[in-house]
Amino acid sequence: MGTFLSWNCRGIWSKLQDLKGLINYFQTVCIGLQETFLSFNNPLKLRDYNSVKKDADTGSNHSGGVNILTSNLYPITPLTLHTSLQAVAGQAHARTSVTACSVYLPPHDVISQQDLYTLLDQLPTSFILLDDFNVHSISWGSDVTNSHGRQIERLISNNGLCLLNKDEKTYFHKPTRTFLQSRFGHLYSYTSTVAEFHR
């Protein structure tokens, strides 16, 4: 199928050259972006890529927002999601169809378990979550488990999901000069096509 990539870009406009470099290096089929900081009237347009986005409902261009970019080689059908979460999804069509969903959960927001289940219920099988959940769990290499980490652990175990990210530190927190396991990684529903996906 090809490469799926997830990136919390913390503002895409200042990182367009980085994004183009990632696309060229990984030859991506699909990219899930989090914290794009895009506004309603400011869509992301990239040559040879389709874009589906959801802006943050904060009223600020300097927080949140999610986007899915898919190569023009793989047609995408945007999905309408009924959720208050920062999430956007589209079904990419290649040899098989896979739904990619980009999700951003701000670190201090209170998220209900039901909101997470409702999001998953709207995604067709097969799906991959390209996300920044801002969670910590010893299950995926953090030193501690926080309440959001326990929520995602339940989401995985109760829905037959598979964690695909590696046991690596993903974010350097400058004020404390520590590395964090703050980004969750990817989930994928079990199907016969799981071996076709590469990180």
N, C-alpha and C. Protein backbone atom coordinates (compact mmCIF):
# COMPACT_ATOMS: atom_id res chain seq x y z
N MET A 1 0.83 -1.20 0.00
CA MET A 1 0.00 0.00 0.00
C MET A 1 0.86 1.24 0.00
N GLY A 2 1.83 1.36 0.88
CA GLY A 2 2.65 2.56 0.92
C GLY A 2 2.82 3.08 2.33
N THR A 3 3.41 4.24 2.44
CA THR A 3 3.76 4.81 3.73
C THR A 3 2.69 5.77 4.23
N PHE A 4 2.31 5.61 5.48
CA PHE A 4 1.43 6.53 6.19
C PHE A 4 2.28 7.22 7.24
N LEU A 5 2.13 8.53 7.35
CA LEU A 5 2.97 9.32 8.25
C LEU A 5 2.09 10.20 9.12
N SER A 6 2.47 10.33 10.39
CA SER A 6 1.78 11.22 11.31
C SER A 6 2.77 12.24 11.85
N TRP A 7 2.34 13.53 11.89
CA TRP A 7 3.26 14.58 12.33
C TRP A 7 2.50 15.70 13.03
N ASN A 8 2.86 15.97 14.27
CA ASN A 8 2.37 17.17 14.95
C ASN A 8 3.30 18.28 14.55
N CYS A 9 2.85 19.11 13.63
CA CYS A 9 3.73 20.12 13.02
C CYS A 9 3.77 21.43 13.80
N ARG A 10 2.83 21.62 14.73
CA ARG A 10 2.78 22.86 15.53
C ARG A 10 2.84 24.10 14.65
N GLY A 11 1.97 24.12 13.67
CA GLY A 11 1.91 25.23 12.72
C GLY A 11 2.55 24.85 11.40
N ILE A 12 1.73 24.59 10.39
CA ILE A 12 2.23 24.05 9.12
C ILE A 12 2.88 25.10 8.23
N TRP A 13 2.42 26.35 8.28
CA TRP A 13 2.94 27.33 7.32
C TRP A 13 4.44 27.53 7.43
N SER A 14 4.99 27.52 8.62
CA SER A 14 6.43 27.72 8.77
C SER A 14 7.22 26.44 8.50
N LYS A 15 6.51 25.34 8.22
CA LYS A 15 7.19 24.05 8.05
C LYS A 15 6.88 23.39 6.71
N LEU A 16 6.45 24.17 5.73
CA LEU A 16 6.11 23.59 4.43
C LEU A 16 7.29 22.90 3.78
N GLN A 17 8.48 23.47 3.87
CA GLN A 17 9.66 22.83 3.27
C GLN A 17 9.97 21.51 3.96
N ASP A 18 9.79 21.46 5.29
CA ASP A 18 9.97 20.20 6.02
C ASP A 18 8.96 19.16 5.54
N LEU A 19 7.71 19.58 5.37
CA LEU A 19 6.67 18.68 4.90
C LEU A 19 7.01 18.13 3.52
N LYS A 20 7.45 18.99 2.62
CA LYS A 20 7.83 18.54 1.28
C LYS A 20 9.01 17.57 1.35
N GLY A 21 9.94 17.81 2.24
CA GLY A 21 11.07 16.90 2.42
C GLY A 21 10.62 15.54 2.92
N LEU A 22 9.68 15.50 3.86
CA LEU A 22 9.15 14.23 4.36
C LEU A 22 8.43 13.47 3.25
N ILE A 23 7.65 14.19 2.45
CA ILE A 23 6.94 13.56 1.34
C ILE A 23 7.93 12.94 0.36
N ASN A 24 8.96 13.68 -0.01
CA ASN A 24 9.95 13.16 -0.95
C ASN A 24 10.72 11.98 -0.38
N TYR A 25 11.07 12.06 0.88
CA TYR A 25 11.87 11.00 1.50
C TYR A 25 11.07 9.71 1.67
N PHE A 26 9.84 9.83 2.20
CA PHE A 26 9.04 8.65 2.51
C PHE A 26 8.11 8.22 1.38
N GLN A 27 7.94 9.05 0.33
CA GLN A 27 7.01 8.73 -0.75
C GLN A 27 5.64 8.35 -0.17
N THR A 28 5.09 9.24 0.61
CA THR A 28 3.89 8.96 1.39
C THR A 28 2.63 8.83 0.55
N VAL A 29 1.78 7.91 0.98
CA VAL A 29 0.43 7.79 0.46
C VAL A 29 -0.46 8.77 1.20
N CYS A 30 -0.24 8.86 2.52
CA CYS A 30 -1.11 9.66 3.37
C CYS A 30 -0.32 10.24 4.53
N ILE A 31 -0.62 11.50 4.87
CA ILE A 31 0.00 12.16 6.01
C ILE A 31 -1.11 12.72 6.89
N GLY A 32 -1.05 12.38 8.17
CA GLY A 32 -1.95 12.96 9.16
C GLY A 32 -1.20 14.06 9.88
N LEU A 33 -1.72 15.27 9.83
CA LEU A 33 -1.10 16.41 10.50
C LEU A 33 -1.94 16.82 11.70
N GLN A 34 -1.27 17.16 12.79
CA GLN A 34 -1.94 17.67 13.98
C GLN A 34 -1.36 19.04 14.32
N GLU A 35 -2.17 19.84 15.00
CA GLU A 35 -1.83 21.22 15.36
C GLU A 35 -1.36 22.01 14.13
N THR A 36 -2.21 22.04 13.13
CA THR A 36 -1.87 22.73 11.87
C THR A 36 -1.96 24.24 12.00
N PHE A 37 -2.78 24.73 12.92
CA PHE A 37 -3.01 26.17 13.14
C PHE A 37 -3.57 26.84 11.89
N LEU A 38 -4.35 26.11 11.11
CA LEU A 38 -4.98 26.69 9.92
C LEU A 38 -6.30 27.34 10.30
N SER A 39 -6.69 28.34 9.53
CA SER A 39 -7.98 28.98 9.75
C SER A 39 -8.96 28.52 8.69
N PHE A 40 -10.23 28.83 8.90
CA PHE A 40 -11.30 28.39 8.01
C PHE A 40 -11.05 28.79 6.56
N ASN A 41 -10.62 30.01 6.35
CA ASN A 41 -10.45 30.51 4.98
C ASN A 41 -9.02 30.35 4.47
N ASN A 42 -8.24 29.49 5.09
CA ASN A 42 -6.84 29.32 4.74
C ASN A 42 -6.51 27.84 4.55
N PRO A 43 -6.96 27.22 3.46
CA PRO A 43 -6.72 25.79 3.26
C PRO A 43 -5.26 25.49 2.91
N LEU A 44 -4.86 24.28 3.20
CA LEU A 44 -3.52 23.82 2.85
C LEU A 44 -3.59 23.19 1.45
N LYS A 45 -2.86 23.77 0.52
CA LYS A 45 -2.81 23.24 -0.85
C LYS A 45 -1.37 22.84 -1.13
N LEU A 46 -1.20 21.60 -1.55
CA LEU A 46 0.12 21.07 -1.84
C LEU A 46 0.05 20.31 -3.16
N ARG A 47 0.98 20.59 -4.04
CA ARG A 47 0.98 19.96 -5.36
C ARG A 47 0.99 18.44 -5.24
N ASP A 48 0.14 17.80 -6.02
CA ASP A 48 0.00 16.35 -6.10
C ASP A 48 -0.61 15.72 -4.86
N TYR A 49 -1.21 16.53 -3.99
CA TYR A 49 -1.84 16.00 -2.78
C TYR A 49 -3.22 16.61 -2.59
N ASN A 50 -4.16 15.76 -2.15
CA ASN A 50 -5.49 16.20 -1.76
C ASN A 50 -5.47 16.49 -0.27
N SER A 51 -6.30 17.41 0.16
CA SER A 51 -6.30 17.82 1.56
C SER A 51 -7.71 17.80 2.13
N VAL A 52 -7.85 17.23 3.32
CA VAL A 52 -9.10 17.26 4.08
C VAL A 52 -8.72 17.76 5.46
N LYS A 53 -9.42 18.81 5.96
CA LYS A 53 -9.01 19.39 7.23
C LYS A 53 -10.19 19.68 8.13
N LYS A 54 -9.87 19.82 9.42
CA LYS A 54 -10.82 20.32 10.41
C LYS A 54 -10.05 21.30 11.28
N ASP A 55 -10.58 22.51 11.36
CA ASP A 55 -9.93 23.53 12.17
C ASP A 55 -10.37 23.40 13.62
N ALA A 56 -9.52 23.89 14.52
CA ALA A 56 -9.87 23.90 15.94
C ALA A 56 -11.01 24.89 16.17
N ASP A 57 -11.87 24.57 17.11
CA ASP A 57 -12.99 25.44 17.44
C ASP A 57 -12.62 26.46 18.51
N THR A 58 -11.34 26.81 18.60
CA THR A 58 -10.89 27.70 19.67
C THR A 58 -11.01 29.17 19.30
N GLY A 59 -11.23 29.46 18.04
CA GLY A 59 -11.26 30.85 17.60
C GLY A 59 -9.88 31.44 17.40
N SER A 60 -8.87 30.63 17.57
CA SER A 60 -7.48 31.08 17.42
C SER A 60 -6.80 30.30 16.32
N ASN A 61 -5.95 30.96 15.56
CA ASN A 61 -5.17 30.26 14.54
C ASN A 61 -3.92 29.63 15.14
N HIS A 62 -3.74 29.76 16.46
CA HIS A 62 -2.51 29.31 17.09
C HIS A 62 -2.72 28.13 18.02
N SER A 63 -3.71 27.31 17.73
CA SER A 63 -3.87 26.07 18.48
C SER A 63 -4.69 25.10 17.65
N GLY A 64 -4.33 23.84 17.77
CA GLY A 64 -5.10 22.75 17.21
C GLY A 64 -5.24 22.72 15.70
N GLY A 65 -6.20 21.92 15.29
CA GLY A 65 -6.47 21.70 13.87
C GLY A 65 -5.81 20.43 13.38
N VAL A 66 -6.53 19.69 12.54
CA VAL A 66 -6.02 18.44 11.97
C VAL A 66 -6.23 18.44 10.47
N ASN A 67 -5.43 17.64 9.79
CA ASN A 67 -5.46 17.60 8.33
C ASN A 67 -5.02 16.22 7.87
N ILE A 68 -5.60 15.77 6.77
CA ILE A 68 -5.14 14.55 6.09
C ILE A 68 -4.75 14.95 4.69
N LEU A 69 -3.54 14.60 4.30
CA LEU A 69 -3.05 14.81 2.94
C LEU A 69 -2.89 13.45 2.29
N THR A 70 -3.44 13.27 1.10
CA THR A 70 -3.25 12.01 0.38
C THR A 70 -2.73 12.30 -1.02
N SER A 71 -1.87 11.42 -1.47
CA SER A 71 -1.31 11.54 -2.81
C SER A 71 -2.42 11.45 -3.85
N ASN A 72 -2.30 12.24 -4.92
CA ASN A 72 -3.27 12.18 -6.02
C ASN A 72 -3.30 10.81 -6.68
N LEU A 73 -2.26 10.00 -6.45
CA LEU A 73 -2.23 8.65 -7.01
C LEU A 73 -3.25 7.73 -6.35
N TYR A 74 -3.72 8.13 -5.16
CA TYR A 74 -4.68 7.32 -4.41
C TYR A 74 -5.89 8.19 -4.10
N PRO A 75 -6.97 8.00 -4.83
CA PRO A 75 -8.16 8.82 -4.59
C PRO A 75 -8.62 8.71 -3.13
N ILE A 76 -9.15 9.79 -2.60
CA ILE A 76 -9.64 9.79 -1.23
C ILE A 76 -11.10 10.23 -1.20
N THR A 77 -11.85 9.58 -0.35
CA THR A 77 -13.23 9.96 -0.10
C THR A 77 -13.29 10.49 1.33
N PRO A 78 -13.52 11.80 1.50
CA PRO A 78 -13.62 12.35 2.86
C PRO A 78 -14.82 11.75 3.59
N LEU A 79 -14.67 11.50 4.88
CA LEU A 79 -15.75 10.98 5.70
C LEU A 79 -16.27 12.09 6.60
N THR A 80 -17.57 12.13 6.77
CA THR A 80 -18.17 13.07 7.71
C THR A 80 -18.16 12.43 9.09
N LEU A 81 -17.49 13.07 10.03
CA LEU A 81 -17.43 12.56 11.40
C LEU A 81 -18.31 13.42 12.29
N HIS A 82 -19.10 12.79 13.11
CA HIS A 82 -19.94 13.49 14.08
C HIS A 82 -19.25 13.37 15.44
N THR A 83 -18.39 14.34 15.73
CA THR A 83 -17.62 14.30 16.97
C THR A 83 -17.19 15.71 17.35
N SER A 84 -17.05 15.93 18.64
CA SER A 84 -16.50 17.20 19.11
C SER A 84 -14.98 17.15 19.18
N LEU A 85 -14.41 15.97 18.96
CA LEU A 85 -12.95 15.83 18.98
C LEU A 85 -12.34 16.48 17.75
N GLN A 86 -11.08 16.86 17.85
CA GLN A 86 -10.35 17.36 16.69
C GLN A 86 -9.93 16.13 15.88
N ALA A 87 -10.75 15.77 14.91
CA ALA A 87 -10.51 14.57 14.10
C ALA A 87 -11.06 14.79 12.70
N VAL A 88 -10.34 14.26 11.72
CA VAL A 88 -10.76 14.30 10.33
C VAL A 88 -10.37 12.96 9.71
N ALA A 89 -11.20 12.46 8.79
CA ALA A 89 -10.92 11.14 8.21
C ALA A 89 -11.24 11.12 6.73
N GLY A 90 -10.55 10.23 6.04
CA GLY A 90 -10.81 9.99 4.63
C GLY A 90 -10.43 8.57 4.28
N GLN A 91 -11.13 8.01 3.31
CA GLN A 91 -10.85 6.65 2.87
C GLN A 91 -10.02 6.71 1.59
N ALA A 92 -8.78 6.20 1.68
CA ALA A 92 -7.87 6.17 0.53
C ALA A 92 -8.09 4.86 -0.23
N HIS A 93 -8.06 4.95 -1.55
CA HIS A 93 -8.33 3.79 -2.39
C HIS A 93 -7.08 3.45 -3.20
N ALA A 94 -6.56 2.26 -2.98
CA ALA A 94 -5.42 1.74 -3.74
C ALA A 94 -5.75 0.28 -4.04
N ARG A 95 -4.80 -0.62 -3.80
CA ARG A 95 -5.12 -2.04 -3.98
C ARG A 95 -6.23 -2.46 -3.03
N THR A 96 -6.20 -1.89 -1.84
CA THR A 96 -7.28 -2.05 -0.87
C THR A 96 -7.67 -0.66 -0.39
N SER A 97 -8.80 -0.56 0.25
CA SER A 97 -9.21 0.72 0.82
C SER A 97 -8.84 0.75 2.30
N VAL A 98 -8.33 1.88 2.74
CA VAL A 98 -8.03 2.06 4.15
C VAL A 98 -8.46 3.46 4.55
N THR A 99 -9.04 3.56 5.72
CA THR A 99 -9.46 4.85 6.25
C THR A 99 -8.36 5.39 7.14
N ALA A 100 -7.93 6.60 6.86
CA ALA A 100 -6.95 7.29 7.69
C ALA A 100 -7.69 8.37 8.48
N CYS A 101 -7.40 8.44 9.77
CA CYS A 101 -8.05 9.43 10.63
C CYS A 101 -6.97 10.16 11.41
N SER A 102 -6.88 11.47 11.22
CA SER A 102 -5.93 12.30 11.95
C SER A 102 -6.65 12.87 13.17
N VAL A 103 -6.06 12.65 14.35
CA VAL A 103 -6.69 13.04 15.61
C VAL A 103 -5.70 13.82 16.46
N TYR A 104 -6.17 14.90 17.07
CA TYR A 104 -5.37 15.64 18.05
C TYR A 104 -6.19 15.82 19.32
N LEU A 105 -5.63 15.35 20.45
CA LEU A 105 -6.25 15.55 21.75
C LEU A 105 -5.35 16.48 22.55
N PRO A 106 -5.78 17.72 22.79
CA PRO A 106 -4.96 18.65 23.58
C PRO A 106 -4.66 18.07 24.96
N PRO A 107 -3.47 18.32 25.49
CA PRO A 107 -3.02 17.64 26.71
C PRO A 107 -3.88 17.91 27.95
N HIS A 108 -4.53 19.04 28.04
CA HIS A 108 -5.27 19.36 29.26
C HIS A 108 -6.78 19.28 29.09
N ASP A 109 -7.24 18.85 27.92
CA ASP A 109 -8.67 18.68 27.70
C ASP A 109 -9.17 17.43 28.40
N VAL A 110 -10.39 17.48 28.90
CA VAL A 110 -11.04 16.31 29.46
C VAL A 110 -11.77 15.62 28.32
N ILE A 111 -11.40 14.38 28.06
CA ILE A 111 -11.96 13.60 26.95
C ILE A 111 -12.75 12.45 27.54
N SER A 112 -13.99 12.28 27.11
CA SER A 112 -14.77 11.15 27.61
C SER A 112 -14.43 9.89 26.82
N GLN A 113 -14.48 8.76 27.52
CA GLN A 113 -14.22 7.48 26.87
C GLN A 113 -15.25 7.25 25.76
N GLN A 114 -16.49 7.68 26.01
CA GLN A 114 -17.54 7.50 25.01
C GLN A 114 -17.23 8.27 23.73
N ASP A 115 -16.66 9.47 23.84
CA ASP A 115 -16.29 10.23 22.64
C ASP A 115 -15.28 9.45 21.79
N LEU A 116 -14.34 8.78 22.45
CA LEU A 116 -13.35 7.98 21.71
C LEU A 116 -14.01 6.79 21.03
N TYR A 117 -14.91 6.09 21.76
CA TYR A 117 -15.62 4.95 21.17
C TYR A 117 -16.50 5.39 20.00
N THR A 118 -17.17 6.53 20.16
CA THR A 118 -18.03 7.04 19.10
C THR A 118 -17.23 7.36 17.84
N LEU A 119 -16.04 7.92 18.03
CA LEU A 119 -15.17 8.19 16.88
C LEU A 119 -14.83 6.89 16.15
N LEU A 120 -14.38 5.88 16.89
CA LEU A 120 -14.01 4.60 16.26
C LEU A 120 -15.19 3.96 15.55
N ASP A 121 -16.38 4.07 16.14
CA ASP A 121 -17.57 3.46 15.54
C ASP A 121 -17.89 4.04 14.17
N GLN A 122 -17.41 5.24 13.88
CA GLN A 122 -17.69 5.89 12.60
C GLN A 122 -16.68 5.54 11.51
N LEU A 123 -15.61 4.83 11.89
CA LEU A 123 -14.55 4.51 10.93
C LEU A 123 -14.75 3.12 10.36
N PRO A 124 -14.80 3.00 9.02
CA PRO A 124 -14.91 1.68 8.42
C PRO A 124 -13.63 0.88 8.66
N THR A 125 -13.78 -0.43 8.67
CA THR A 125 -12.60 -1.29 8.71
C THR A 125 -12.06 -1.30 7.29
N SER A 126 -10.85 -1.20 7.08
CA SER A 126 -9.67 -1.07 7.91
C SER A 126 -9.36 0.40 8.15
N PHE A 127 -8.79 0.72 9.33
CA PHE A 127 -8.45 2.11 9.59
C PHE A 127 -7.12 2.21 10.32
N ILE A 128 -6.55 3.38 10.19
CA ILE A 128 -5.33 3.70 10.91
C ILE A 128 -5.53 5.09 11.51
N LEU A 129 -5.17 5.23 12.78
CA LEU A 129 -5.23 6.53 13.43
C LEU A 129 -3.85 7.16 13.36
N LEU A 130 -3.79 8.33 12.76
CA LEU A 130 -2.56 9.12 12.68
C LEU A 130 -2.76 10.24 13.68
N ASP A 131 -2.12 10.13 14.84
CA ASP A 131 -2.59 10.92 15.95
C ASP A 131 -1.50 11.53 16.82
N ASP A 132 -1.93 12.51 17.58
CA ASP A 132 -1.20 13.01 18.74
C ASP A 132 -2.21 13.02 19.87
N PHE A 133 -2.17 11.96 20.68
CA PHE A 133 -3.11 11.82 21.78
C PHE A 133 -2.61 12.49 23.06
N ASN A 134 -1.34 12.89 23.10
CA ASN A 134 -0.79 13.52 24.30
C ASN A 134 -1.02 12.67 25.54
N VAL A 135 -0.65 11.41 25.46
CA VAL A 135 -0.86 10.48 26.57
C VAL A 135 0.45 9.82 26.97
N HIS A 136 0.45 9.35 28.22
CA HIS A 136 1.61 8.65 28.75
C HIS A 136 1.15 7.30 29.30
N SER A 137 1.92 6.25 29.00
CA SER A 137 1.63 4.93 29.56
C SER A 137 2.91 4.12 29.55
N ILE A 138 3.12 3.37 30.62
CA ILE A 138 4.29 2.48 30.64
C ILE A 138 4.13 1.39 29.58
N SER A 139 2.89 1.17 29.12
CA SER A 139 2.65 0.16 28.08
C SER A 139 3.39 0.47 26.79
N TRP A 140 3.65 1.76 26.52
CA TRP A 140 4.39 2.12 25.31
C TRP A 140 5.62 2.95 25.61
N GLY A 141 6.24 2.71 26.78
CA GLY A 141 7.57 3.26 27.04
C GLY A 141 7.67 4.49 27.90
N SER A 142 6.56 5.06 28.35
CA SER A 142 6.64 6.22 29.24
C SER A 142 7.05 5.77 30.63
N ASP A 143 7.54 6.70 31.42
CA ASP A 143 7.93 6.38 32.79
C ASP A 143 6.72 6.26 33.71
N VAL A 144 5.62 6.91 33.35
CA VAL A 144 4.40 6.89 34.16
C VAL A 144 3.19 6.69 33.25
N THR A 145 2.06 6.38 33.86
CA THR A 145 0.80 6.29 33.14
C THR A 145 -0.13 7.37 33.68
N ASN A 146 -0.64 8.23 32.79
CA ASN A 146 -1.59 9.26 33.23
C ASN A 146 -3.02 8.81 32.91
N SER A 147 -4.00 9.62 33.30
CA SER A 147 -5.40 9.23 33.11
C SER A 147 -5.75 9.07 31.63
N HIS A 148 -5.21 9.95 30.77
CA HIS A 148 -5.45 9.79 29.33
C HIS A 148 -4.80 8.50 28.82
N GLY A 149 -3.65 8.15 29.37
CA GLY A 149 -2.99 6.89 28.99
C GLY A 149 -3.87 5.69 29.30
N ARG A 150 -4.51 5.70 30.48
CA ARG A 150 -5.41 4.61 30.83
C ARG A 150 -6.60 4.56 29.88
N GLN A 151 -7.09 5.73 29.46
CA GLN A 151 -8.20 5.76 28.50
C GLN A 151 -7.80 5.08 27.19
N ILE A 152 -6.62 5.40 26.70
CA ILE A 152 -6.19 4.83 25.42
C ILE A 152 -5.88 3.34 25.57
N GLU A 153 -5.35 2.93 26.72
CA GLU A 153 -5.14 1.50 26.97
C GLU A 153 -6.48 0.76 26.86
N ARG A 154 -7.54 1.32 27.46
CA ARG A 154 -8.87 0.70 27.37
C ARG A 154 -9.37 0.70 25.92
N LEU A 155 -9.13 1.79 25.21
CA LEU A 155 -9.55 1.87 23.81
C LEU A 155 -8.91 0.75 22.99
N ILE A 156 -7.62 0.52 23.22
CA ILE A 156 -6.90 -0.53 22.50
C ILE A 156 -7.48 -1.90 22.85
N SER A 157 -7.56 -2.20 24.15
CA SER A 157 -7.96 -3.55 24.56
C SER A 157 -9.43 -3.84 24.27
N ASN A 158 -10.29 -2.84 24.35
CA ASN A 158 -11.72 -3.08 24.13
C ASN A 158 -12.12 -3.10 22.66
N ASN A 159 -11.22 -2.72 21.77
CA ASN A 159 -11.57 -2.64 20.35
C ASN A 159 -10.68 -3.47 19.45
N GLY A 160 -9.84 -4.33 20.01
CA GLY A 160 -8.99 -5.18 19.19
C GLY A 160 -8.03 -4.41 18.32
N LEU A 161 -7.45 -3.33 18.87
CA LEU A 161 -6.55 -2.48 18.10
C LEU A 161 -5.10 -2.87 18.36
N CYS A 162 -4.26 -2.47 17.45
CA CYS A 162 -2.84 -2.80 17.51
C CYS A 162 -2.04 -1.50 17.53
N LEU A 163 -1.15 -1.38 18.50
CA LEU A 163 -0.26 -0.22 18.59
C LEU A 163 0.91 -0.43 17.65
N LEU A 164 1.13 0.51 16.73
CA LEU A 164 2.19 0.35 15.73
C LEU A 164 3.43 1.17 15.99
N ASN A 165 3.38 2.14 16.93
CA ASN A 165 4.56 2.98 17.08
C ASN A 165 5.66 2.24 17.83
N LYS A 166 6.89 2.69 17.62
CA LYS A 166 8.04 2.08 18.27
C LYS A 166 8.20 2.66 19.66
N ASP A 167 8.95 1.96 20.50
CA ASP A 167 9.22 2.41 21.86
C ASP A 167 10.30 3.48 21.84
N GLU A 168 9.93 4.67 21.36
CA GLU A 168 10.89 5.76 21.22
C GLU A 168 10.33 7.02 21.86
N LYS A 169 11.23 7.87 22.33
CA LYS A 169 10.82 9.18 22.82
C LYS A 169 10.43 10.01 21.60
N THR A 170 9.36 10.79 21.74
CA THR A 170 8.85 11.48 20.56
C THR A 170 8.83 13.00 20.68
N TYR A 171 9.16 13.52 21.86
CA TYR A 171 9.07 14.97 22.03
C TYR A 171 10.05 15.42 23.10
N PHE A 172 10.81 16.47 22.82
CA PHE A 172 11.72 17.05 23.80
C PHE A 172 11.06 18.28 24.40
N HIS A 173 10.83 18.24 25.71
CA HIS A 173 10.18 19.35 26.42
C HIS A 173 11.26 20.31 26.91
N LYS A 174 11.39 21.46 26.23
CA LYS A 174 12.48 22.40 26.50
C LYS A 174 12.50 22.93 27.93
N PRO A 175 11.36 23.35 28.51
CA PRO A 175 11.43 23.91 29.87
C PRO A 175 12.03 22.95 30.90
N THR A 176 11.71 21.67 30.80
CA THR A 176 12.25 20.71 31.78
C THR A 176 13.45 19.95 31.24
N ARG A 177 13.78 20.17 29.97
CA ARG A 177 14.89 19.50 29.31
C ARG A 177 14.80 17.98 29.43
N THR A 178 13.59 17.47 29.25
CA THR A 178 13.36 16.03 29.31
C THR A 178 12.68 15.56 28.03
N PHE A 179 12.91 14.29 27.72
CA PHE A 179 12.22 13.68 26.59
C PHE A 179 10.95 13.03 27.11
N LEU A 180 9.89 13.17 26.35
CA LEU A 180 8.60 12.63 26.75
C LEU A 180 8.09 11.63 25.74
N GLN A 181 7.23 10.78 26.20
CA GLN A 181 6.52 9.85 25.34
C GLN A 181 5.13 10.44 25.12
N SER A 182 5.08 11.71 24.76
CA SER A 182 3.81 12.43 24.78
C SER A 182 2.94 12.14 23.58
N ARG A 183 3.49 11.63 22.52
CA ARG A 183 2.67 11.33 21.36
C ARG A 183 2.43 9.85 21.31
N PHE A 184 1.20 9.47 21.10
CA PHE A 184 0.81 8.07 21.22
C PHE A 184 1.28 7.20 20.08
N GLY A 185 1.09 7.60 18.87
CA GLY A 185 1.45 6.74 17.76
C GLY A 185 0.25 6.36 16.93
N HIS A 186 0.16 5.12 16.55
CA HIS A 186 -0.87 4.72 15.60
C HIS A 186 -1.62 3.50 16.10
N LEU A 187 -2.87 3.44 15.79
CA LEU A 187 -3.70 2.28 16.04
C LEU A 187 -4.19 1.77 14.70
N TYR A 188 -4.43 0.48 14.63
CA TYR A 188 -4.92 -0.09 13.39
C TYR A 188 -5.85 -1.23 13.73
N SER A 189 -6.97 -1.33 13.07
CA SER A 189 -7.87 -2.44 13.33
C SER A 189 -7.30 -3.69 12.69
N TYR A 190 -7.47 -4.81 13.34
CA TYR A 190 -6.93 -6.07 12.83
C TYR A 190 -7.65 -6.47 11.54
N THR A 191 -6.88 -6.61 10.48
CA THR A 191 -7.41 -7.16 9.24
C THR A 191 -6.28 -7.89 8.55
N SER A 192 -6.58 -8.50 7.45
CA SER A 192 -5.55 -9.24 6.73
C SER A 192 -4.54 -8.32 6.04
N THR A 193 -4.80 -7.02 5.99
CA THR A 193 -3.89 -6.13 5.28
C THR A 193 -2.90 -5.42 6.20
N VAL A 194 -2.87 -5.78 7.47
CA VAL A 194 -2.02 -5.05 8.42
C VAL A 194 -0.54 -5.09 8.02
N ALA A 195 -0.10 -6.15 7.38
CA ALA A 195 1.32 -6.26 7.01
C ALA A 195 1.71 -5.32 5.89
N GLU A 196 0.74 -4.74 5.20
CA GLU A 196 1.06 -3.87 4.08
C GLU A 196 1.44 -2.46 4.50
N PHE A 197 1.28 -2.12 5.76
CA PHE A 197 1.52 -0.75 6.19
C PHE A 197 2.88 -0.61 6.82
N HIS A 198 3.54 0.47 6.48
CA HIS A 198 4.88 0.74 6.98
C HIS A 198 4.87 2.09 7.64
N ARG A 199 5.71 2.26 8.65
CA ARG A 199 5.78 3.53 9.35
C ARG A 199 6.96 4.31 8.85
